[in-house]
Amino acid sequence: MNNISFLLEKYSKIGLKEEKIKKIISDSIKKGSGVEVDISKIKVQKNIININDVFGVQKSEIFMNKNKIDEIMKEQMNKEEYKFSDRELM
């Protein structure tokens, strides 16, 4: 998921709330791997994602599907950028 660090930096600069970013990450993991991760277990610091309390098979599922998860996150964050840009224009 290193490929999305530039997106995390970009969206923190334009003001996308951390909770919204965590929700996108959680939803992307669910869609990409089937693993449910509570947003309270996700930490985003210095554009690095840390997921706590995920072990064993769940961790393996996330790792094996990381490219798919990455693509889903990029799509979702780009959708959020357009929503943010539209609000700025109003």
N, C-alpha and C. Protein backbone atom coordinates (compact mmCIF):
# COMPACT_ATOMS: atom_id res chain seq x y z
N MET A 1 0.81 -1.18 0.00
CA MET A 1 0.00 0.00 0.00
C MET A 1 0.86 1.26 0.00
N ASN A 2 2.12 1.10 -0.29
CA ASN A 2 3.01 2.25 -0.36
C ASN A 2 2.65 3.17 -1.50
N ASN A 3 1.96 2.64 -2.53
CA ASN A 3 1.61 3.43 -3.69
C ASN A 3 0.62 4.54 -3.38
N ILE A 4 -0.08 4.48 -2.27
CA ILE A 4 -1.07 5.51 -1.98
C ILE A 4 -0.55 6.58 -1.04
N SER A 5 0.71 6.51 -0.63
CA SER A 5 1.21 7.51 0.32
C SER A 5 1.12 8.92 -0.26
N PHE A 6 1.35 9.05 -1.57
CA PHE A 6 1.25 10.37 -2.18
C PHE A 6 -0.20 10.87 -2.13
N LEU A 7 -1.17 9.97 -2.23
CA LEU A 7 -2.58 10.37 -2.13
C LEU A 7 -2.92 10.81 -0.71
N LEU A 8 -2.41 10.09 0.27
CA LEU A 8 -2.65 10.47 1.66
C LEU A 8 -2.13 11.87 1.94
N GLU A 9 -0.95 12.15 1.44
CA GLU A 9 -0.36 13.48 1.63
C GLU A 9 -1.20 14.54 0.93
N LYS A 10 -1.61 14.25 -0.29
CA LYS A 10 -2.40 15.19 -1.08
C LYS A 10 -3.72 15.52 -0.38
N TYR A 11 -4.42 14.49 0.11
CA TYR A 11 -5.73 14.73 0.70
C TYR A 11 -5.65 15.36 2.07
N SER A 12 -4.56 15.12 2.78
CA SER A 12 -4.42 15.82 4.06
C SER A 12 -4.18 17.30 3.80
N LYS A 13 -3.52 17.62 2.69
CA LYS A 13 -3.25 19.02 2.36
C LYS A 13 -4.52 19.75 1.94
N ILE A 14 -5.42 19.05 1.24
CA ILE A 14 -6.64 19.74 0.78
C ILE A 14 -7.74 19.70 1.83
N GLY A 15 -7.48 19.05 2.95
CA GLY A 15 -8.41 19.11 4.06
C GLY A 15 -9.37 17.95 4.19
N LEU A 16 -9.11 16.85 3.51
CA LEU A 16 -9.96 15.68 3.69
C LEU A 16 -9.76 15.16 5.11
N LYS A 17 -10.81 15.06 5.86
CA LYS A 17 -10.75 14.70 7.26
C LYS A 17 -10.17 13.30 7.46
N GLU A 18 -9.41 13.16 8.54
CA GLU A 18 -8.77 11.88 8.85
C GLU A 18 -9.79 10.76 8.99
N GLU A 19 -10.94 11.05 9.59
CA GLU A 19 -11.97 10.02 9.76
C GLU A 19 -12.50 9.55 8.40
N LYS A 20 -12.61 10.47 7.45
CA LYS A 20 -13.07 10.10 6.11
C LYS A 20 -12.02 9.23 5.42
N ILE A 21 -10.76 9.58 5.58
CA ILE A 21 -9.67 8.78 5.01
C ILE A 21 -9.70 7.38 5.61
N LYS A 22 -9.87 7.28 6.93
CA LYS A 22 -9.94 5.97 7.59
C LYS A 22 -11.12 5.16 7.08
N LYS A 23 -12.25 5.82 6.85
CA LYS A 23 -13.44 5.14 6.33
C LYS A 23 -13.17 4.59 4.93
N ILE A 24 -12.51 5.37 4.10
CA ILE A 24 -12.16 4.92 2.76
C ILE A 24 -11.22 3.72 2.83
N ILE A 25 -10.24 3.77 3.73
CA ILE A 25 -9.30 2.66 3.89
C ILE A 25 -10.05 1.41 4.34
N SER A 26 -10.89 1.55 5.34
CA SER A 26 -11.66 0.42 5.87
C SER A 26 -12.57 -0.19 4.80
N ASP A 27 -13.29 0.67 4.08
CA ASP A 27 -14.18 0.18 3.02
C ASP A 27 -13.41 -0.51 1.89
N SER A 28 -12.24 0.05 1.55
CA SER A 28 -11.42 -0.53 0.48
C SER A 28 -10.89 -1.90 0.87
N ILE A 29 -10.48 -2.05 2.12
CA ILE A 29 -10.00 -3.35 2.61
C ILE A 29 -11.13 -4.37 2.55
N LYS A 30 -12.33 -3.95 2.96
CA LYS A 30 -13.49 -4.84 2.95
C LYS A 30 -13.82 -5.28 1.52
N LYS A 31 -13.85 -4.32 0.59
CA LYS A 31 -14.17 -4.64 -0.81
C LYS A 31 -13.08 -5.48 -1.47
N GLY A 32 -11.83 -5.18 -1.13
CA GLY A 32 -10.71 -5.83 -1.80
C GLY A 32 -10.33 -7.19 -1.24
N SER A 33 -10.60 -7.41 0.06
CA SER A 33 -10.16 -8.67 0.67
C SER A 33 -11.24 -9.40 1.46
N GLY A 34 -12.34 -8.71 1.73
CA GLY A 34 -13.39 -9.31 2.54
C GLY A 34 -13.15 -9.19 4.04
N VAL A 35 -12.05 -8.56 4.43
CA VAL A 35 -11.71 -8.41 5.85
C VAL A 35 -12.30 -7.09 6.35
N GLU A 36 -13.04 -7.17 7.45
CA GLU A 36 -13.60 -5.96 8.05
C GLU A 36 -12.62 -5.41 9.08
N VAL A 37 -12.28 -4.14 8.92
CA VAL A 37 -11.37 -3.47 9.84
C VAL A 37 -12.09 -2.24 10.39
N ASP A 38 -12.25 -2.19 11.70
CA ASP A 38 -12.88 -1.04 12.34
C ASP A 38 -11.98 0.17 12.19
N ILE A 39 -12.57 1.33 11.90
CA ILE A 39 -11.74 2.52 11.69
C ILE A 39 -10.96 2.92 12.94
N SER A 40 -11.39 2.49 14.09
CA SER A 40 -10.64 2.80 15.31
C SER A 40 -9.31 2.05 15.36
N LYS A 41 -9.16 1.02 14.54
CA LYS A 41 -7.93 0.22 14.49
C LYS A 41 -6.95 0.75 13.45
N ILE A 42 -7.35 1.78 12.71
CA ILE A 42 -6.52 2.33 11.64
C ILE A 42 -5.88 3.62 12.12
N LYS A 43 -4.58 3.72 11.90
CA LYS A 43 -3.86 4.95 12.21
C LYS A 43 -3.13 5.40 10.95
N VAL A 44 -3.23 6.70 10.67
CA VAL A 44 -2.53 7.28 9.54
C VAL A 44 -1.61 8.35 10.11
N GLN A 45 -0.31 8.08 10.03
CA GLN A 45 0.68 9.01 10.54
C GLN A 45 1.78 9.18 9.52
N LYS A 46 2.07 10.44 9.21
CA LYS A 46 3.11 10.76 8.23
C LYS A 46 2.87 9.98 6.94
N ASN A 47 1.60 9.89 6.53
CA ASN A 47 1.19 9.25 5.29
C ASN A 47 1.50 7.76 5.23
N ILE A 48 1.59 7.14 6.40
CA ILE A 48 1.78 5.70 6.50
C ILE A 48 0.57 5.12 7.21
N ILE A 49 0.02 4.05 6.65
CA ILE A 49 -1.15 3.40 7.23
C ILE A 49 -0.71 2.27 8.14
N ASN A 50 -1.20 2.28 9.37
CA ASN A 50 -0.97 1.18 10.31
C ASN A 50 -2.33 0.63 10.71
N ILE A 51 -2.47 -0.69 10.65
CA ILE A 51 -3.71 -1.34 11.05
C ILE A 51 -3.39 -2.23 12.24
N ASN A 52 -4.01 -1.94 13.37
CA ASN A 52 -3.76 -2.69 14.60
C ASN A 52 -4.78 -3.81 14.77
N ASP A 53 -4.40 -4.80 15.53
CA ASP A 53 -5.29 -5.92 15.90
C ASP A 53 -5.81 -6.72 14.71
N VAL A 54 -4.98 -6.87 13.68
CA VAL A 54 -5.30 -7.75 12.57
C VAL A 54 -4.22 -8.81 12.52
N PHE A 55 -4.62 -10.08 12.65
CA PHE A 55 -3.66 -11.16 12.74
C PHE A 55 -4.04 -12.32 11.82
N GLY A 56 -3.12 -13.25 11.68
CA GLY A 56 -3.37 -14.51 11.01
C GLY A 56 -3.93 -14.41 9.61
N VAL A 57 -5.04 -15.09 9.40
CA VAL A 57 -5.65 -15.19 8.08
C VAL A 57 -6.07 -13.82 7.56
N GLN A 58 -6.60 -12.99 8.44
CA GLN A 58 -7.03 -11.66 8.00
C GLN A 58 -5.85 -10.84 7.48
N LYS A 59 -4.75 -10.90 8.19
CA LYS A 59 -3.55 -10.18 7.76
C LYS A 59 -3.06 -10.72 6.42
N SER A 60 -3.11 -12.03 6.25
CA SER A 60 -2.70 -12.65 4.99
C SER A 60 -3.61 -12.22 3.84
N GLU A 61 -4.93 -12.17 4.10
CA GLU A 61 -5.88 -11.75 3.07
C GLU A 61 -5.61 -10.32 2.62
N ILE A 62 -5.33 -9.45 3.58
CA ILE A 62 -5.02 -8.07 3.23
C ILE A 62 -3.75 -8.00 2.41
N PHE A 63 -2.72 -8.73 2.83
CA PHE A 63 -1.45 -8.73 2.12
C PHE A 63 -1.60 -9.29 0.71
N MET A 64 -2.30 -10.40 0.57
CA MET A 64 -2.45 -11.03 -0.75
C MET A 64 -3.27 -10.16 -1.71
N ASN A 65 -4.13 -9.33 -1.18
CA ASN A 65 -4.99 -8.49 -2.02
C ASN A 65 -4.59 -7.02 -1.99
N LYS A 66 -3.35 -6.73 -1.58
CA LYS A 66 -2.94 -5.34 -1.39
C LYS A 66 -3.02 -4.51 -2.67
N ASN A 67 -2.73 -5.10 -3.82
CA ASN A 67 -2.81 -4.34 -5.07
C ASN A 67 -4.26 -3.97 -5.40
N LYS A 68 -5.16 -4.91 -5.20
CA LYS A 68 -6.58 -4.66 -5.42
C LYS A 68 -7.10 -3.60 -4.45
N ILE A 69 -6.71 -3.71 -3.19
CA ILE A 69 -7.10 -2.74 -2.17
C ILE A 69 -6.56 -1.36 -2.53
N ASP A 70 -5.33 -1.32 -2.98
CA ASP A 70 -4.68 -0.07 -3.38
C ASP A 70 -5.48 0.61 -4.49
N GLU A 71 -5.88 -0.15 -5.50
CA GLU A 71 -6.65 0.41 -6.61
C GLU A 71 -8.00 0.93 -6.15
N ILE A 72 -8.66 0.19 -5.30
CA ILE A 72 -9.96 0.63 -4.77
C ILE A 72 -9.80 1.93 -3.99
N MET A 73 -8.75 2.02 -3.16
CA MET A 73 -8.50 3.24 -2.39
C MET A 73 -8.26 4.43 -3.31
N LYS A 74 -7.47 4.23 -4.35
CA LYS A 74 -7.20 5.31 -5.29
C LYS A 74 -8.49 5.81 -5.91
N GLU A 75 -9.34 4.89 -6.35
CA GLU A 75 -10.63 5.26 -6.94
C GLU A 75 -11.48 6.05 -5.96
N GLN A 76 -11.58 5.56 -4.72
CA GLN A 76 -12.41 6.21 -3.72
C GLN A 76 -11.87 7.59 -3.34
N MET A 77 -10.57 7.71 -3.21
CA MET A 77 -9.98 9.00 -2.84
C MET A 77 -10.12 10.00 -3.98
N ASN A 78 -10.02 9.53 -5.21
CA ASN A 78 -10.22 10.43 -6.34
C ASN A 78 -11.67 10.91 -6.40
N LYS A 79 -12.62 10.05 -6.06
CA LYS A 79 -14.02 10.48 -5.99
C LYS A 79 -14.19 11.55 -4.94
N GLU A 80 -13.53 11.38 -3.80
CA GLU A 80 -13.60 12.36 -2.72
C GLU A 80 -12.98 13.68 -3.14
N GLU A 81 -11.93 13.62 -3.94
CA GLU A 81 -11.30 14.86 -4.40
C GLU A 81 -12.29 15.67 -5.23
N TYR A 82 -13.04 15.01 -6.10
CA TYR A 82 -14.02 15.72 -6.92
C TYR A 82 -15.12 16.32 -6.06
N LYS A 83 -15.56 15.58 -5.05
CA LYS A 83 -16.58 16.12 -4.14
C LYS A 83 -16.04 17.35 -3.42
N PHE A 84 -14.79 17.25 -2.98
CA PHE A 84 -14.17 18.37 -2.27
C PHE A 84 -14.03 19.57 -3.19
N SER A 85 -13.58 19.33 -4.43
CA SER A 85 -13.40 20.40 -5.40
C SER A 85 -14.73 21.06 -5.73
N ASP A 86 -15.78 20.28 -5.86
CA ASP A 86 -17.10 20.83 -6.16
C ASP A 86 -17.56 21.75 -5.03
N ARG A 87 -17.33 21.38 -3.79
CA ARG A 87 -17.72 22.23 -2.66
C ARG A 87 -16.94 23.54 -2.68
N GLU A 88 -15.68 23.47 -3.08
CA GLU A 88 -14.85 24.66 -3.11
C GLU A 88 -15.36 25.65 -4.15
N LEU A 89 -15.95 25.14 -5.23
CA LEU A 89 -16.42 26.01 -6.29
C LEU A 89 -17.72 26.73 -5.93
N MET A 90 -18.44 26.23 -4.97
CA MET A 90 -19.74 26.84 -4.61
C MET A 90 -19.57 28.09 -3.80
